[in-house]
C-alpha atoms as a PDB file:
ATOM      1  CA  MET A   1      64.112  51.435  75.314  1.00  0.00           C
ATOM      2  CA  LYS A   2      63.641  54.848  73.435  1.00  0.00           C
ATOM      3  CA  THR A   3      60.043  54.984  72.247  1.00  0.00           C
ATOM      4  CA  THR A   4      58.863  53.087  75.856  1.00  0.00           C
ATOM      5  CA  HIS A   5      60.459  56.152  77.375  1.00  0.00           C
ATOM      6  CA  LEU A   6      59.016  58.490  75.061  1.00  0.00           C
ATOM      7  CA  GLY A   7      56.264  56.799  75.184  1.00  0.00           C
ATOM      8  CA  MET A   8      55.476  56.749  79.044  1.00  0.00           C
ATOM      9  CA  ILE A   9      56.418  60.474  79.059  1.00  0.00           C
ATOM     10  CA  GLU A  10      53.299  61.473  77.179  1.00  0.00           C
ATOM     11  CA  THR A  11      51.104  59.013  78.984  1.00  0.00           C
ATOM     12  CA  VAL A  12      52.351  60.268  82.066  1.00  0.00           C
ATOM     13  CA  LYS A  13      51.787  64.268  80.724  1.00  0.00           C
ATOM     14  CA  GLY A  14      48.203  63.057  79.126  1.00  0.00           C
ATOM     15  CA  GLN A  15      47.348  61.461  83.116  1.00  0.00           C
ATOM     16  CA  ILE A  16      48.423  64.895  84.458  1.00  0.00           C
ATOM     17  CA  VAL A  17      47.083  67.585  82.674  1.00  0.00           C
ATOM     18  CA  ALA A  18      43.214  65.583  82.579  1.00  0.00           C
ATOM     19  CA  ALA A  19      43.961  64.752  86.706  1.00  0.00           C
ATOM     20  CA  ILE A  20      45.358  68.453  87.755  1.00  0.00           C
ATOM     21  CA  LYS A  21      42.049  69.689  85.498  1.00  0.00           C
ATOM     22  CA  GLU A  22      39.718  67.286  86.907  1.00  0.00           C
ATOM     23  CA  THR A  23      40.774  68.148  90.164  1.00  0.00           C
ATOM     24  CA  GLY A  24      42.212  71.885  90.348  1.00  0.00           C
ATOM     25  CA  ASN A  25      44.722  70.708  93.306  1.00  0.00           C
ATOM     26  CA  ILE A  26      48.546  70.977  91.580  1.00  0.00           C
ATOM     27  CA  VAL A  27      49.882  68.671  94.731  1.00  0.00           C
ATOM     28  CA  GLN A  28      47.167  65.920  94.966  1.00  0.00           C
ATOM     29  CA  ALA A  29      46.909  65.080  91.139  1.00  0.00           C
ATOM     30  CA  THR A  30      50.479  65.056  90.569  1.00  0.00           C
ATOM     31  CA  VAL A  31      50.667  62.870  93.853  1.00  0.00           C
ATOM     32  CA  ASP A  32      47.811  60.604  93.082  1.00  0.00           C
ATOM     33  CA  THR A  33      49.149  60.075  89.493  1.00  0.00           C
ATOM     34  CA  VAL A  34      52.985  59.913  89.541  1.00  0.00           C
ATOM     35  CA  ALA A  35      52.326  56.730  92.674  1.00  0.00           C
ATOM     36  CA  GLN A  36      49.519  54.971  90.874  1.00  0.00           C
ATOM     37  CA  ILE A  37      51.980  54.843  87.776  1.00  0.00           C
ATOM     38  CA  LEU A  38      55.277  53.927  89.086  1.00  0.00           C
ATOM     39  CA  ALA A  39      53.189  51.411  91.668  1.00  0.00           C
ATOM     40  CA  THR A  40      51.341  49.617  88.590  1.00  0.00           C
ATOM     41  CA  THR A  41      54.304  49.977  86.059  1.00  0.00           C
ATOM     42  CA  ILE A  42      57.239  48.912  88.763  1.00  0.00           C
ATOM     43  CA  LYS A  43      54.983  45.345  89.566  1.00  0.00           C
ATOM     44  CA  ASP A  44      53.853  44.770  85.995  1.00  0.00           C
ATOM     45  CA  THR A  45      57.158  44.958  84.434  1.00  0.00           C
ATOM     46  CA  GLY A  46      59.172  43.010  87.808  1.00  0.00           C
ATOM     47  CA  LYS A  47      61.286  46.012  87.460  1.00  0.00           C
ATOM     48  CA  VAL A  48      63.834  47.042  91.235  1.00  0.00           C
ATOM     49  CA  GLY A  49      67.055  48.230  90.638  1.00  0.00           C
ATOM     50  CA  THR A  50      68.664  50.071  88.304  1.00  0.00           C
ATOM     51  CA  SER A  51      65.455  49.964  85.901  1.00  0.00           C
ATOM     52  CA  VAL A  52      63.049  52.042  88.664  1.00  0.00           C
ATOM     53  CA  THR A  53      65.664  54.911  88.009  1.00  0.00           C
ATOM     54  CA  ASP A  54      64.661  54.471  84.092  1.00  0.00           C
ATOM     55  CA  VAL A  55      61.090  54.252  85.134  1.00  0.00           C
ATOM     56  CA  VAL A  56      61.004  57.233  88.021  1.00  0.00           C
ATOM     57  CA  THR A  57      62.610  59.693  84.706  1.00  0.00           C
ATOM     58  CA  SER A  58      59.938  58.920  82.429  1.00  0.00           C
ATOM     59  CA  VAL A  59      57.559  59.496  84.819  1.00  0.00           C
ATOM     60  CA  ALA A  60      59.339  63.027  86.953  1.00  0.00           C
ATOM     61  CA  SER A  61      59.321  64.347  83.124  1.00  0.00           C
ATOM     62  CA  GLY A  62      55.920  63.415  81.729  1.00  0.00           C
ATOM     63  CA  ALA A  63      54.877  65.105  84.723  1.00  0.00           C
ATOM     64  CA  ILE A  64      56.702  68.502  84.792  1.00  0.00           C
ATOM     65  CA  HIS A  65      55.313  68.569  80.630  1.00  0.00           C
ATOM     66  CA  GLY A  66      51.741  67.785  81.842  1.00  0.00           C
ATOM     67  CA  ALA A  67      52.121  70.460  84.707  1.00  0.00           C
ATOM     68  CA  ALA A  68      53.676  72.646  82.361  1.00  0.00           C
ATOM     69  CA  HIS A  69      51.285  72.265  79.690  1.00  0.00           C
ATOM     70  CA  VAL A  70      48.099  73.560  81.733  1.00  0.00           C
ATOM     71  CA  GLY A  71      50.233  76.500  83.168  1.00  0.00           C
ATOM     72  CA  ALA A  72      50.464  74.664  86.801  1.00  0.00           C
ATOM     73  CA  ASP A  73      52.525  75.414  89.344  1.00  0.00           C
ATOM     74  CA  LEU A  74      55.696  73.863  89.073  1.00  0.00           C
ATOM     75  CA  GLY A  75      56.949  74.243  92.387  1.00  0.00           C
ATOM     76  CA  HIS A  76      53.504  72.684  93.287  1.00  0.00           C
ATOM     77  CA  THR A  77      53.956  69.921  90.677  1.00  0.00           C
ATOM     78  CA  ALA A  78      57.968  69.126  92.071  1.00  0.00           C
ATOM     79  CA  GLN A  79      56.455  68.552  95.428  1.00  0.00           C
ATOM     80  CA  GLY A  80      53.696  66.067  94.418  1.00  0.00           C
ATOM     81  CA  ILE A  81      56.688  64.300  92.212  1.00  0.00           C
ATOM     82  CA  MET A  82      58.293  63.861  94.870  1.00  0.00           C
ATOM     83  CA  ILE A  83      55.711  63.032  97.148  1.00  0.00           C
ATOM     84  CA  GLY A  84      54.312  60.315  94.415  1.00  0.00           C
ATOM     85  CA  VAL A  85      57.709  58.680  93.447  1.00  0.00           C
ATOM     86  CA  LEU A  86      58.336  57.399  97.454  1.00  0.00           C
ATOM     87  CA  ARG A  87      54.941  56.125  97.551  1.00  0.00           C
ATOM     88  CA  GLY A  88      55.038  54.330  94.366  1.00  0.00           C
ATOM     89  CA  THR A  89      58.865  53.214  94.416  1.00  0.00           C
ATOM     90  CA  LYS A  90      58.447  52.274  98.211  1.00  0.00           C
ATOM     91  CA  ASN A  91      58.238  48.358  97.609  1.00  0.00           C
ATOM     92  CA  ALA A  92      60.327  48.541  94.772  1.00  0.00           C
ATOM     93  CA  GLY A  93      63.442  48.482  96.508  1.00  0.00           C
ATOM     94  CA  ALA A  94      65.204  51.413  95.672  1.00  0.00           C
ATOM     95  CA  GLU A  95      67.729  53.406  97.849  1.00  0.00           C
ATOM     96  CA  VAL A  96      65.261  56.134  98.984  1.00  0.00           C
ATOM     97  CA  LEU A  97      68.110  58.527  98.958  1.00  0.00           C
ATOM     98  CA  ASP A  98      69.363  58.289  96.164  1.00  0.00           C
ATOM     99  CA  THR A  99      65.605  58.346  94.753  1.00  0.00           C
ATOM    100  CA  ILE A 100      64.849  60.799  96.149  1.00  0.00           C
ATOM    101  CA  SER A 101      68.646  63.021  94.149  1.00  0.00           C
ATOM    102  CA  HIS A 102      67.880  61.491  91.079  1.00  0.00           C
ATOM    103  CA  THR A 103      63.527  62.137  91.302  1.00  0.00           C
ATOM    104  CA  ALA A 104      64.919  66.030  91.898  1.00  0.00           C
ATOM    105  CA  HIS A 105      67.325  65.661  89.523  1.00  0.00           C
ATOM    106  CA  ILE A 106      65.571  65.360  86.490  1.00  0.00           C
ATOM    107  CA  THR A 107      62.666  67.151  87.791  1.00  0.00           C
ATOM    108  CA  ILE A 108      65.055  70.527  88.278  1.00  0.00           C
ATOM    109  CA  GLN A 109      66.341  69.755  84.270  1.00  0.00           C
ATOM    110  CA  ASP A 110      62.630  69.186  83.028  1.00  0.00           C
ATOM    111  CA  THR A 111      62.183  71.734  84.448  1.00  0.00           C
ATOM    112  CA  ALA A 112      64.227  73.839  83.050  1.00  0.00           C
ATOM    113  CA  LYS A 113      63.742  72.621  79.565  1.00  0.00           C
ATOM    114  CA  VAL A 114      60.010  74.321  79.755  1.00  0.00           C
ATOM    115  CA  GLY A 115      61.307  77.423  80.946  1.00  0.00           C
ATOM    116  CA  GLY A 116      59.827  76.838  84.792  1.00  0.00           C
ATOM    117  CA  ASP A 117      61.321  78.200  88.081  1.00  0.00           C
ATOM    118  CA  VAL A 118      64.047  75.968  89.011  1.00  0.00           C
ATOM    119  CA  GLY A 119      63.538  77.325  92.359  1.00  0.00           C
ATOM    120  CA  ALA A 120      60.650  77.058  92.982  1.00  0.00           C
ATOM    121  CA  ALA A 121      60.589  73.499  91.708  1.00  0.00           C
ATOM    122  CA  ALA A 122      63.908  72.907  93.662  1.00  0.00           C
ATOM    123  CA  PHE A 123      62.070  74.282  97.134  1.00  0.00           C
ATOM    124  CA  GLY A 124      58.802  72.191  95.949  1.00  0.00           C
ATOM    125  CA  LEU A 125      61.006  68.645  95.753  1.00  0.00           C
ATOM    126  CA  VAL A 126      62.861  69.681  99.191  1.00  0.00           C
ATOM    127  CA  GLU A 127      59.444  69.871 100.846  1.00  0.00           C
ATOM    128  CA  GLY A 128      58.060  66.666  99.196  1.00  0.00           C
ATOM    129  CA  ALA A 129      61.274  64.914 100.233  1.00  0.00           C
ATOM    130  CA  ILE A 130      60.439  65.991 103.745  1.00  0.00           C
ATOM    131  CA  GLN A 131      56.922  65.185 103.772  1.00  0.00           C
ATOM    132  CA  GLY A 132      58.485  61.294 101.434  1.00  0.00           C
ATOM    133  CA  ALA A 133      60.545  60.856 104.527  1.00  0.00           C
ATOM    134  CA  LYS A 134      58.249  61.231 107.299  1.00  0.00           C
ATOM    135  CA  GLU A 135      56.245  58.734 105.345  1.00  0.00           C
ATOM    136  CA  LEU A 136      58.970  56.170 105.268  1.00  0.00           C
ATOM    137  CA  GLY A 137      60.628  56.708 108.582  1.00  0.00           C
ATOM    138  CA  VAL A 138      63.187  58.234 107.153  1.00  0.00           C
ATOM    139  CA  SER A 139      65.009  60.664 108.053  1.00  0.00           C
ATOM    140  CA  ALA A 140      63.959  64.460 107.045  1.00  0.00           C
ATOM    141  CA  GLU A 141      66.953  65.849 107.533  1.00  0.00           C
ATOM    142  CA  ASP A 142      68.762  63.610 105.254  1.00  0.00           C
ATOM    143  CA  ALA A 143      65.765  63.000 102.533  1.00  0.00           C
ATOM    144  CA  ALA A 144      66.064  67.073 102.074  1.00  0.00           C
ATOM    145  CA  ALA A 145      70.038  67.110 101.787  1.00  0.00           C
ATOM    146  CA  ALA A 146      69.620  64.119  98.793  1.00  0.00           C
ATOM    147  CA  ALA A 147      66.594  66.328  97.224  1.00  0.00           C
ATOM    148  CA  ALA A 148      68.637  69.625  97.312  1.00  0.00           C
ATOM    149  CA  ASP A 149      71.700  67.968  95.797  1.00  0.00           C
ATOM    150  CA  GLY A 150      70.274  66.314  93.234  1.00  0.00           C
ATOM    151  CA  ALA A 151      68.668  70.132  92.619  1.00  0.00           C
ATOM    152  CA  LEU A 152      72.486  71.686  92.440  1.00  0.00           C
ATOM    153  CA  LYS A 153      73.946  68.602  90.123  1.00  0.00           C
ATOM    154  CA  ALA A 154      70.895  69.469  87.751  1.00  0.00           C
ATOM    155  CA  ALA A 155      71.555  73.318  88.661  1.00  0.00           C
ATOM    156  CA  GLY A 156      74.790  72.855  87.597  1.00  0.00           C
ATOM    157  CA  GLU A 157      73.794  71.528  84.486  1.00  0.00           C
ATOM    158  CA  VAL A 158      71.670  73.968  83.549  1.00  0.00           C
ATOM    159  CA  GLY A 159      73.826  77.076  84.695  1.00  0.00           C
ATOM    160  CA  SER A 160      75.261  79.403  86.876  1.00  0.00           C
ATOM    161  CA  THR A 161      71.699  80.950  87.439  1.00  0.00           C
ATOM    162  CA  ALA A 162      69.864  78.592  87.420  1.00  0.00           C
ATOM    163  CA  VAL A 163      72.479  77.169  90.508  1.00  0.00           C
ATOM    164  CA  ASP A 164      72.092  80.796  92.422  1.00  0.00           C
ATOM    165  CA  THR A 165      68.490  80.298  92.050  1.00  0.00           C
ATOM    166  CA  VAL A 166      68.277  76.673  93.595  1.00  0.00           C
ATOM    167  CA  ARG A 167      70.800  77.156  96.125  1.00  0.00           C
ATOM    168  CA  LYS A 168      69.171  80.297  97.319  1.00  0.00           C
ATOM    169  CA  ALA A 169      65.614  78.272  97.640  1.00  0.00           C
ATOM    170  CA  VAL A 170      66.835  75.468  99.182  1.00  0.00           C
ATOM    171  CA  THR A 171      68.932  77.248 101.733  1.00  0.00           C
ATOM    172  CA  LYS A 172      66.138  78.861 104.340  1.00  0.00           C
ATOM    173  CA  PRO A 173      64.238  76.287 106.244  1.00  0.00           C
ATOM    174  CA  ILE A 174      61.569  74.540 104.437  1.00  0.00           C
ATOM    175  CA  ASN A 175      58.583  72.854 106.876  1.00  0.00           C
ATOM    176  CA  GLY A 176      61.105  73.649 109.921  1.00  0.00           C
ATOM    177  CA  ILE A 177      64.772  71.822 108.477  1.00  0.00           C
ATOM    178  CA  LYS A 178      67.611  73.701 107.782  1.00  0.00           C
ATOM    179  CA  VAL A 179      68.788  71.348 104.686  1.00  0.00           C
ATOM    180  CA  MET A 180      72.447  71.072 104.865  1.00  0.00           C
ATOM    181  CA  LEU A 181      74.118  71.072 101.934  1.00  0.00           C
ATOM    182  CA  LYS A 182      77.157  68.266 100.912  1.00  0.00           C
ATOM    183  CA  GLU A 183      78.355  70.555  97.828  1.00  0.00           C
ATOM    184  CA  PRO A 184      82.099  71.292  97.268  1.00  0.00           C
ATOM    185  CA  GLU A 185      82.740  70.167  94.333  1.00  0.00           C
ATOM    186  CA  LEU A 186      79.021  70.137  92.860  1.00  0.00           C
ATOM    187  CA  ALA A 187      77.273  73.188  92.292  1.00  0.00           C
ATOM    188  CA  LYS A 188      80.215  75.032  90.520  1.00  0.00           C
ATOM    189  CA  ALA A 189      78.562  76.007  86.827  1.00  0.00           C
ATOM    190  CA  ALA A 190      80.714  76.424  83.695  1.00  0.00           C
END
């Protein structure tokens, strides 16, 4: 599975690089690429449930690494990842809020790995979750909270500075939504 995961990351990275260079629109290039890859991969393999999580992990990682490779804004990339994941997995039977939280977690981890701005990525993830929720008929507030929760958990694994940066980014209103953090136990970085 490791080679499949790494192979998919490289494939997504290459497609993101090409899409961003071609269109110049980071958000839309990421949305379209991520949604198309996820929908195709899930349909082709018949993956459902936890396997969708594995595919989302590979696709989100590849997208961040591709965007970083071309110097794209990782906040815009994160927004595009979230929207693309929600569009690409909507027919896979995945639990939407769990998918949002997982996508945010992976995206923040990879943003930190490439030395990107985790605050901008967290803000973009919440923006994308709100937009995606509206498209799927899910509560925007619940989607925003799930994205912030996943981002904060990942930031907690990165360090206290990342936690502070992510918390500041997601506690201001985003697209008119006040994000409610469910954090007593999670955002206490070592």
